[in-house]
Amino acid sequence: MVQKKLDQTELIKLMDYNPETGLFVRKVRQRNLHAGTVNSKHGYIDIRVLGKTYRAHRLVWFYVYGEWPTEDIDHINGIKTDNRLCNLRSVSRRQNLENLRKPTARNTSGFLGVTKHKKSSKWISQIRILGKVKKLGYFETPDLAHQAYLVAKRKYHAGCTI
């Protein structure tokens, strides 16, 4: 089966998008009134259109601006399901990664930029700047280490919104 390439006109015929709520609504009712489901693996909303699945935030960009984004679409507030137009911005991959708000699954401290230093039993704070790791110091508590990280993040990461 040859898949039809989605264009903005077709998308507008099939769906309405509300920039204040960030929700798509199908004009022709299918199973649900609101389009999309949260992807359990990544946490983004996926929407199926003409047999193909799209990330809702990228579909918003296409719907509003008439062209597919060439860069990452960042959720400014860090909430992956908040697809209000005012919460989306086109940024480089680096800027998008700089806007992380929560530690990754591998992080054991529970704080961004903080790890336990095994030899000293103190908490070390460090940040990555243009691919290089910069140590920010050793701290008595993970919270103090995290505060140092946040100060550096706001200084060095242009994409940071926290």
N, C-alpha and C. Protein backbone atom coordinates (compact mmCIF):
# COMPACT_ATOMS: atom_id res chain seq x y z
N MET A 1 0.84 -1.18 0.00
CA MET A 1 0.00 0.00 0.00
C MET A 1 0.88 1.24 0.00
N VAL A 2 0.63 2.17 -0.92
CA VAL A 2 1.36 3.43 -0.98
C VAL A 2 0.69 4.40 -0.01
N GLN A 3 1.51 4.96 0.86
CA GLN A 3 0.97 5.87 1.87
C GLN A 3 0.94 7.29 1.33
N LYS A 4 -0.20 7.95 1.48
CA LYS A 4 -0.36 9.32 1.03
C LYS A 4 0.43 10.24 1.96
N LYS A 5 1.20 11.17 1.36
CA LYS A 5 1.95 12.12 2.16
C LYS A 5 1.00 13.18 2.70
N LEU A 6 1.08 13.42 3.99
CA LEU A 6 0.20 14.37 4.64
C LEU A 6 0.62 15.80 4.28
N ASP A 7 -0.36 16.59 3.87
CA ASP A 7 -0.08 18.02 3.67
C ASP A 7 -0.96 18.82 4.63
N GLN A 8 -0.62 20.08 4.82
CA GLN A 8 -1.31 20.90 5.80
C GLN A 8 -2.80 21.03 5.50
N THR A 9 -3.16 21.20 4.24
CA THR A 9 -4.57 21.33 3.86
C THR A 9 -5.36 20.09 4.26
N GLU A 10 -4.81 18.92 4.00
CA GLU A 10 -5.47 17.66 4.37
C GLU A 10 -5.61 17.55 5.89
N LEU A 11 -4.56 17.91 6.61
CA LEU A 11 -4.60 17.85 8.07
C LEU A 11 -5.70 18.76 8.61
N ILE A 12 -5.80 19.96 8.07
CA ILE A 12 -6.83 20.91 8.52
C ILE A 12 -8.23 20.40 8.18
N LYS A 13 -8.37 19.67 7.08
CA LYS A 13 -9.66 19.07 6.75
C LYS A 13 -10.04 17.98 7.74
N LEU A 14 -9.06 17.26 8.23
CA LEU A 14 -9.30 16.11 9.11
C LEU A 14 -9.43 16.48 10.58
N MET A 15 -8.74 17.56 11.01
CA MET A 15 -8.68 17.87 12.43
C MET A 15 -8.75 19.36 12.72
N ASP A 16 -9.21 19.65 13.92
CA ASP A 16 -9.12 21.00 14.47
C ASP A 16 -8.07 20.97 15.57
N TYR A 17 -7.29 22.04 15.67
CA TYR A 17 -6.31 22.17 16.74
C TYR A 17 -6.62 23.42 17.53
N ASN A 18 -6.65 23.30 18.85
CA ASN A 18 -6.90 24.43 19.72
C ASN A 18 -5.58 24.84 20.38
N PRO A 19 -5.00 25.99 20.00
CA PRO A 19 -3.70 26.39 20.55
C PRO A 19 -3.73 26.70 22.05
N GLU A 20 -4.91 27.01 22.60
CA GLU A 20 -5.00 27.29 24.04
C GLU A 20 -4.99 26.02 24.88
N THR A 21 -5.57 24.94 24.36
CA THR A 21 -5.59 23.68 25.11
C THR A 21 -4.50 22.72 24.64
N GLY A 22 -4.05 22.90 23.41
CA GLY A 22 -3.05 22.01 22.86
C GLY A 22 -3.61 20.70 22.33
N LEU A 23 -4.93 20.62 22.21
CA LEU A 23 -5.58 19.37 21.81
C LEU A 23 -6.02 19.40 20.35
N PHE A 24 -5.92 18.24 19.72
CA PHE A 24 -6.48 18.02 18.40
C PHE A 24 -7.82 17.32 18.57
N VAL A 25 -8.78 17.69 17.73
CA VAL A 25 -10.08 17.03 17.70
C VAL A 25 -10.34 16.61 16.26
N ARG A 26 -10.72 15.36 16.09
CA ARG A 26 -11.03 14.86 14.74
C ARG A 26 -12.35 15.47 14.28
N LYS A 27 -12.38 15.92 13.02
CA LYS A 27 -13.62 16.48 12.47
C LYS A 27 -14.60 15.36 12.12
N VAL A 28 -14.06 14.22 11.75
CA VAL A 28 -14.88 13.04 11.53
C VAL A 28 -14.64 12.15 12.73
N ARG A 29 -15.67 11.97 13.52
CA ARG A 29 -15.52 11.23 14.78
C ARG A 29 -15.14 9.78 14.52
N GLN A 30 -14.11 9.36 15.24
CA GLN A 30 -13.72 7.95 15.21
C GLN A 30 -14.03 7.39 16.60
N ARG A 31 -13.09 6.70 17.20
CA ARG A 31 -13.34 6.13 18.54
C ARG A 31 -13.50 7.22 19.59
N ASN A 32 -12.58 8.15 19.59
CA ASN A 32 -12.58 9.21 20.61
C ASN A 32 -12.74 10.56 19.95
N LEU A 33 -13.29 11.50 20.68
CA LEU A 33 -13.41 12.85 20.17
C LEU A 33 -12.03 13.49 20.05
N HIS A 34 -11.24 13.42 21.14
CA HIS A 34 -9.88 13.96 21.09
C HIS A 34 -8.97 12.96 20.41
N ALA A 35 -8.08 13.47 19.59
CA ALA A 35 -7.15 12.61 18.86
C ALA A 35 -5.90 12.40 19.70
N GLY A 36 -5.38 11.19 19.64
CA GLY A 36 -4.09 10.90 20.24
C GLY A 36 -4.15 10.09 21.52
N THR A 37 -3.05 9.39 21.76
CA THR A 37 -2.87 8.63 22.99
C THR A 37 -1.45 8.86 23.49
N VAL A 38 -1.28 8.77 24.79
CA VAL A 38 0.05 8.95 25.37
C VAL A 38 0.86 7.68 25.12
N ASN A 39 2.02 7.85 24.52
CA ASN A 39 2.93 6.75 24.26
C ASN A 39 3.57 6.34 25.59
N SER A 40 3.34 5.11 26.03
CA SER A 40 3.79 4.67 27.35
C SER A 40 5.32 4.58 27.44
N LYS A 41 5.99 4.46 26.32
CA LYS A 41 7.45 4.36 26.34
C LYS A 41 8.12 5.73 26.49
N HIS A 42 7.60 6.74 25.78
CA HIS A 42 8.25 8.04 25.76
C HIS A 42 7.48 9.15 26.47
N GLY A 43 6.19 8.96 26.65
CA GLY A 43 5.39 9.96 27.34
C GLY A 43 4.81 11.06 26.47
N TYR A 44 5.12 11.06 25.17
CA TYR A 44 4.56 12.04 24.25
C TYR A 44 3.21 11.55 23.74
N ILE A 45 2.40 12.47 23.24
CA ILE A 45 1.13 12.09 22.64
C ILE A 45 1.37 11.73 21.18
N ASP A 46 0.90 10.57 20.77
CA ASP A 46 0.98 10.13 19.38
C ASP A 46 -0.41 10.22 18.77
N ILE A 47 -0.46 10.66 17.50
CA ILE A 47 -1.72 10.78 16.77
C ILE A 47 -1.57 10.07 15.43
N ARG A 48 -2.54 9.23 15.12
CA ARG A 48 -2.54 8.51 13.84
C ARG A 48 -3.38 9.29 12.83
N VAL A 49 -2.74 9.61 11.69
CA VAL A 49 -3.40 10.34 10.61
C VAL A 49 -3.07 9.66 9.30
N LEU A 50 -4.11 9.30 8.54
CA LEU A 50 -3.95 8.64 7.25
C LEU A 50 -3.00 7.43 7.33
N GLY A 51 -3.16 6.65 8.40
CA GLY A 51 -2.40 5.42 8.53
C GLY A 51 -0.99 5.58 9.05
N LYS A 52 -0.57 6.77 9.41
CA LYS A 52 0.78 6.99 9.92
C LYS A 52 0.68 7.67 11.29
N THR A 53 1.60 7.30 12.19
CA THR A 53 1.61 7.86 13.54
C THR A 53 2.60 9.03 13.60
N TYR A 54 2.12 10.13 14.19
CA TYR A 54 2.93 11.34 14.35
C TYR A 54 2.95 11.74 15.81
N ARG A 55 4.03 12.35 16.25
CA ARG A 55 4.07 12.96 17.57
C ARG A 55 3.24 14.24 17.50
N ALA A 56 2.37 14.43 18.48
CA ALA A 56 1.43 15.56 18.45
C ALA A 56 2.14 16.90 18.39
N HIS A 57 3.25 17.07 19.12
CA HIS A 57 3.92 18.36 19.12
C HIS A 57 4.49 18.71 17.74
N ARG A 58 4.92 17.71 16.99
CA ARG A 58 5.42 17.96 15.64
C ARG A 58 4.25 18.24 14.69
N LEU A 59 3.12 17.58 14.93
CA LEU A 59 1.91 17.80 14.14
C LEU A 59 1.38 19.22 14.37
N VAL A 60 1.46 19.71 15.61
CA VAL A 60 1.06 21.09 15.92
C VAL A 60 1.86 22.06 15.05
N TRP A 61 3.16 21.86 15.02
CA TRP A 61 4.04 22.75 14.26
C TRP A 61 3.63 22.77 12.79
N PHE A 62 3.39 21.58 12.25
CA PHE A 62 3.00 21.46 10.85
C PHE A 62 1.63 22.10 10.61
N TYR A 63 0.70 21.85 11.51
CA TYR A 63 -0.66 22.40 11.40
C TYR A 63 -0.62 23.93 11.38
N VAL A 64 0.14 24.53 12.28
CA VAL A 64 0.17 25.99 12.44
C VAL A 64 1.04 26.67 11.38
N TYR A 65 2.22 26.13 11.13
CA TYR A 65 3.20 26.82 10.28
C TYR A 65 3.28 26.28 8.85
N GLY A 66 2.65 25.14 8.59
CA GLY A 66 2.61 24.61 7.23
C GLY A 66 3.87 23.93 6.77
N GLU A 67 4.81 23.70 7.67
CA GLU A 67 6.03 22.97 7.31
C GLU A 67 6.46 22.10 8.48
N TRP A 68 7.06 20.97 8.15
CA TRP A 68 7.54 20.08 9.19
C TRP A 68 8.74 20.70 9.86
N PRO A 69 8.85 20.57 11.17
CA PRO A 69 10.01 21.16 11.86
C PRO A 69 11.30 20.47 11.42
N THR A 70 12.34 21.27 11.24
CA THR A 70 13.64 20.72 10.87
C THR A 70 14.50 20.47 12.09
N GLU A 71 14.11 21.06 13.22
CA GLU A 71 14.84 20.86 14.47
C GLU A 71 13.93 20.16 15.47
N ASP A 72 14.39 20.02 16.70
CA ASP A 72 13.56 19.45 17.75
C ASP A 72 12.47 20.45 18.13
N ILE A 73 11.33 19.93 18.56
CA ILE A 73 10.28 20.77 19.13
C ILE A 73 10.33 20.53 20.64
N ASP A 74 10.66 21.58 21.37
CA ASP A 74 10.85 21.51 22.81
C ASP A 74 9.58 21.92 23.53
N HIS A 75 9.23 21.18 24.56
CA HIS A 75 8.15 21.57 25.46
C HIS A 75 8.80 22.45 26.53
N ILE A 76 8.57 23.73 26.47
CA ILE A 76 9.25 24.69 27.32
C ILE A 76 9.10 24.35 28.80
N ASN A 77 7.90 23.96 29.22
CA ASN A 77 7.67 23.66 30.64
C ASN A 77 8.05 22.23 31.02
N GLY A 78 8.55 21.46 30.06
CA GLY A 78 9.00 20.10 30.34
C GLY A 78 7.90 19.05 30.40
N ILE A 79 6.66 19.46 30.20
CA ILE A 79 5.54 18.51 30.25
C ILE A 79 5.27 18.01 28.83
N LYS A 80 5.57 16.75 28.58
CA LYS A 80 5.52 16.18 27.24
C LYS A 80 4.13 16.13 26.63
N THR A 81 3.10 16.22 27.44
CA THR A 81 1.73 16.16 26.93
C THR A 81 1.10 17.55 26.78
N ASP A 82 1.84 18.60 27.11
CA ASP A 82 1.34 19.97 27.01
C ASP A 82 1.70 20.54 25.64
N ASN A 83 0.78 20.39 24.70
CA ASN A 83 1.04 20.79 23.32
C ASN A 83 0.38 22.12 22.94
N ARG A 84 0.22 22.99 23.94
CA ARG A 84 -0.26 24.34 23.64
C ARG A 84 0.83 25.04 22.82
N LEU A 85 0.43 25.82 21.86
CA LEU A 85 1.39 26.48 20.97
C LEU A 85 2.38 27.33 21.76
N CYS A 86 1.92 28.01 22.81
CA CYS A 86 2.81 28.86 23.61
C CYS A 86 3.86 28.06 24.38
N ASN A 87 3.70 26.74 24.47
CA ASN A 87 4.64 25.89 25.19
C ASN A 87 5.63 25.18 24.26
N LEU A 88 5.52 25.42 22.97
CA LEU A 88 6.38 24.73 22.01
C LEU A 88 7.33 25.70 21.34
N ARG A 89 8.57 25.25 21.14
CA ARG A 89 9.55 26.06 20.42
C ARG A 89 10.47 25.14 19.62
N SER A 90 10.93 25.65 18.50
CA SER A 90 11.85 24.92 17.65
C SER A 90 13.27 25.23 18.13
N VAL A 91 14.01 24.18 18.50
CA VAL A 91 15.36 24.36 19.04
C VAL A 91 16.28 23.26 18.50
N SER A 92 17.57 23.49 18.66
CA SER A 92 18.55 22.46 18.29
C SER A 92 18.46 21.30 19.28
N ARG A 93 19.01 20.17 18.92
CA ARG A 93 19.02 19.01 19.82
C ARG A 93 19.73 19.38 21.14
N ARG A 94 20.84 20.12 21.04
CA ARG A 94 21.58 20.52 22.24
C ARG A 94 20.71 21.36 23.16
N GLN A 95 20.02 22.36 22.61
CA GLN A 95 19.15 23.20 23.43
C GLN A 95 18.02 22.38 24.06
N ASN A 96 17.49 21.44 23.31
CA ASN A 96 16.42 20.60 23.85
C ASN A 96 16.93 19.79 25.04
N LEU A 97 18.11 19.23 24.92
CA LEU A 97 18.69 18.46 26.02
C LEU A 97 19.04 19.35 27.21
N GLU A 98 19.37 20.60 26.93
CA GLU A 98 19.67 21.55 28.01
C GLU A 98 18.43 21.89 28.82
N ASN A 99 17.26 21.63 28.29
CA ASN A 99 16.02 21.95 28.99
C ASN A 99 15.47 20.77 29.79
N LEU A 100 16.29 19.75 30.01
CA LEU A 100 15.85 18.63 30.85
C LEU A 100 15.51 19.14 32.24
N ARG A 101 14.45 18.63 32.81
CA ARG A 101 14.00 19.07 34.13
C ARG A 101 14.06 17.97 35.17
N LYS A 102 14.17 16.73 34.72
CA LYS A 102 14.20 15.60 35.65
C LYS A 102 15.42 14.75 35.33
N PRO A 103 15.94 14.07 36.34
CA PRO A 103 17.08 13.18 36.07
C PRO A 103 16.65 11.99 35.22
N THR A 104 17.59 11.43 34.50
CA THR A 104 17.31 10.25 33.68
C THR A 104 17.13 9.03 34.58
N ALA A 105 16.70 7.94 34.01
CA ALA A 105 16.46 6.71 34.77
C ALA A 105 17.75 6.17 35.40
N ARG A 106 18.89 6.47 34.80
CA ARG A 106 20.17 5.97 35.33
C ARG A 106 20.62 6.74 36.57
N ASN A 107 20.08 7.90 36.80
CA ASN A 107 20.49 8.75 37.91
C ASN A 107 20.01 8.13 39.22
N THR A 108 20.92 7.98 40.19
CA THR A 108 20.56 7.35 41.46
C THR A 108 20.36 8.36 42.59
N SER A 109 20.72 9.63 42.37
CA SER A 109 20.58 10.63 43.43
C SER A 109 19.18 11.23 43.48
N GLY A 110 18.49 11.20 42.34
CA GLY A 110 17.18 11.84 42.26
C GLY A 110 17.25 13.31 41.88
N PHE A 111 18.45 13.82 41.65
CA PHE A 111 18.64 15.22 41.30
C PHE A 111 19.44 15.34 40.00
N LEU A 112 19.06 16.29 39.16
CA LEU A 112 19.82 16.57 37.95
C LEU A 112 21.24 17.00 38.33
N GLY A 113 22.24 16.46 37.63
CA GLY A 113 23.61 16.90 37.80
C GLY A 113 24.28 16.49 39.09
N VAL A 114 23.71 15.53 39.82
CA VAL A 114 24.25 15.15 41.13
C VAL A 114 24.49 13.64 41.20
N THR A 115 25.67 13.26 41.69
CA THR A 115 25.98 11.86 41.93
C THR A 115 26.71 11.73 43.26
N LYS A 116 26.68 10.55 43.80
CA LYS A 116 27.38 10.27 45.07
C LYS A 116 28.83 9.95 44.74
N HIS A 117 29.75 10.63 45.41
CA HIS A 117 31.19 10.34 45.26
C HIS A 117 31.54 9.25 46.28
N LYS A 118 31.86 8.06 45.78
CA LYS A 118 32.01 6.89 46.66
C LYS A 118 33.14 7.03 47.66
N LYS A 119 34.29 7.57 47.24
CA LYS A 119 35.45 7.64 48.14
C LYS A 119 35.23 8.61 49.30
N SER A 120 34.61 9.74 49.03
CA SER A 120 34.45 10.75 50.08
C SER A 120 33.07 10.72 50.74
N SER A 121 32.13 9.97 50.16
CA SER A 121 30.73 9.92 50.61
C SER A 121 30.05 11.29 50.53
N LYS A 122 30.62 12.17 49.73
CA LYS A 122 29.98 13.47 49.51
C LYS A 122 29.24 13.41 48.18
N TRP A 123 28.52 14.46 47.91
CA TRP A 123 27.75 14.56 46.67
C TRP A 123 28.49 15.48 45.73
N ILE A 124 28.68 15.02 44.50
CA ILE A 124 29.39 15.83 43.50
C ILE A 124 28.38 16.40 42.51
N SER A 125 28.59 17.64 42.17
CA SER A 125 27.75 18.31 41.18
C SER A 125 28.59 18.57 39.95
N GLN A 126 28.04 18.25 38.79
CA GLN A 126 28.75 18.50 37.53
C GLN A 126 27.75 18.77 36.42
N ILE A 127 28.24 19.48 35.40
CA ILE A 127 27.39 19.87 34.28
C ILE A 127 28.16 19.67 32.99
N ARG A 128 27.44 19.34 31.93
CA ARG A 128 28.05 19.20 30.62
C ARG A 128 27.84 20.51 29.85
N ILE A 129 28.95 21.09 29.38
CA ILE A 129 28.92 22.33 28.62
C ILE A 129 29.61 22.08 27.29
N LEU A 130 28.85 22.17 26.20
CA LEU A 130 29.37 21.93 24.86
C LEU A 130 30.17 20.63 24.77
N GLY A 131 29.62 19.59 25.39
CA GLY A 131 30.22 18.26 25.30
C GLY A 131 31.28 17.95 26.34
N LYS A 132 31.68 18.93 27.14
CA LYS A 132 32.71 18.70 28.16
C LYS A 132 32.10 18.79 29.55
N VAL A 133 32.53 17.88 30.43
CA VAL A 133 32.01 17.86 31.79
C VAL A 133 32.79 18.85 32.65
N LYS A 134 32.06 19.70 33.35
CA LYS A 134 32.66 20.68 34.28
C LYS A 134 32.20 20.30 35.69
N LYS A 135 33.19 20.02 36.57
CA LYS A 135 32.87 19.71 37.96
C LYS A 135 32.59 21.00 38.70
N LEU A 136 31.51 21.00 39.47
CA LEU A 136 31.10 22.19 40.20
C LEU A 136 31.44 22.13 41.68
N GLY A 137 31.82 20.95 42.16
CA GLY A 137 32.24 20.83 43.55
C GLY A 137 31.63 19.64 44.27
N TYR A 138 32.10 19.47 45.53
CA TYR A 138 31.62 18.41 46.40
C TYR A 138 30.77 19.05 47.50
N PHE A 139 29.69 18.37 47.86
CA PHE A 139 28.73 18.95 48.80
C PHE A 139 28.30 17.92 49.84
N GLU A 140 27.87 18.41 50.98
CA GLU A 140 27.44 17.54 52.08
C GLU A 140 26.10 16.87 51.79
N THR A 141 25.23 17.57 51.06
CA THR A 141 23.90 17.01 50.79
C THR A 141 23.62 17.05 49.28
N PRO A 142 22.76 16.16 48.80
CA PRO A 142 22.41 16.20 47.38
C PRO A 142 21.68 17.49 47.01
N ASP A 143 20.92 18.04 47.95
CA ASP A 143 20.19 19.28 47.67
C ASP A 143 21.16 20.45 47.42
N LEU A 144 22.21 20.55 48.22
CA LEU A 144 23.21 21.62 48.01
C LEU A 144 23.91 21.44 46.66
N ALA A 145 24.23 20.19 46.32
CA ALA A 145 24.87 19.91 45.03
C ALA A 145 23.94 20.28 43.88
N HIS A 146 22.66 20.00 44.07
CA HIS A 146 21.66 20.32 43.03
C HIS A 146 21.51 21.83 42.87
N GLN A 147 21.54 22.56 43.96
CA GLN A 147 21.44 24.03 43.88
C GLN A 147 22.61 24.60 43.08
N ALA A 148 23.81 24.07 43.29
CA ALA A 148 24.98 24.52 42.52
C ALA A 148 24.80 24.19 41.04
N TYR A 149 24.24 23.02 40.78
CA TYR A 149 23.98 22.62 39.39
C TYR A 149 22.99 23.59 38.72
N LEU A 150 21.92 23.93 39.43
CA LEU A 150 20.92 24.83 38.85
C LEU A 150 21.51 26.20 38.53
N VAL A 151 22.37 26.72 39.39
CA VAL A 151 23.02 28.01 39.13
C VAL A 151 23.84 27.92 37.84
N ALA A 152 24.62 26.85 37.70
CA ALA A 152 25.44 26.66 36.50
C ALA A 152 24.57 26.43 35.27
N LYS A 153 23.50 25.67 35.43
CA LYS A 153 22.61 25.38 34.30
C LYS A 153 22.01 26.67 33.75
N ARG A 154 21.56 27.53 34.62
CA ARG A 154 20.98 28.80 34.18
C ARG A 154 22.03 29.69 33.51
N LYS A 155 23.27 29.55 33.92
CA LYS A 155 24.36 30.36 33.35
C LYS A 155 24.82 29.83 31.99
N TYR A 156 25.00 28.51 31.88
CA TYR A 156 25.64 27.94 30.70
C TYR A 156 24.69 27.33 29.66
N HIS A 157 23.49 27.00 30.03
CA HIS A 157 22.57 26.34 29.10
C HIS A 157 21.52 27.33 28.59
N ALA A 158 21.72 27.79 27.37
CA ALA A 158 20.81 28.76 26.78
C ALA A 158 19.38 28.21 26.66
N GLY A 159 19.24 26.90 26.51
CA GLY A 159 17.92 26.29 26.36
C GLY A 159 17.19 26.06 27.67
N CYS A 160 17.84 26.33 28.79
CA CYS A 160 17.26 26.06 30.11
C CYS A 160 16.12 27.02 30.42
N THR A 161 15.02 26.48 30.91
CA THR A 161 13.88 27.31 31.32
C THR A 161 13.53 27.11 32.79
N ILE A 162 14.43 26.47 33.55
CA ILE A 162 14.16 26.31 34.99
C ILE A 162 15.02 27.25 35.80
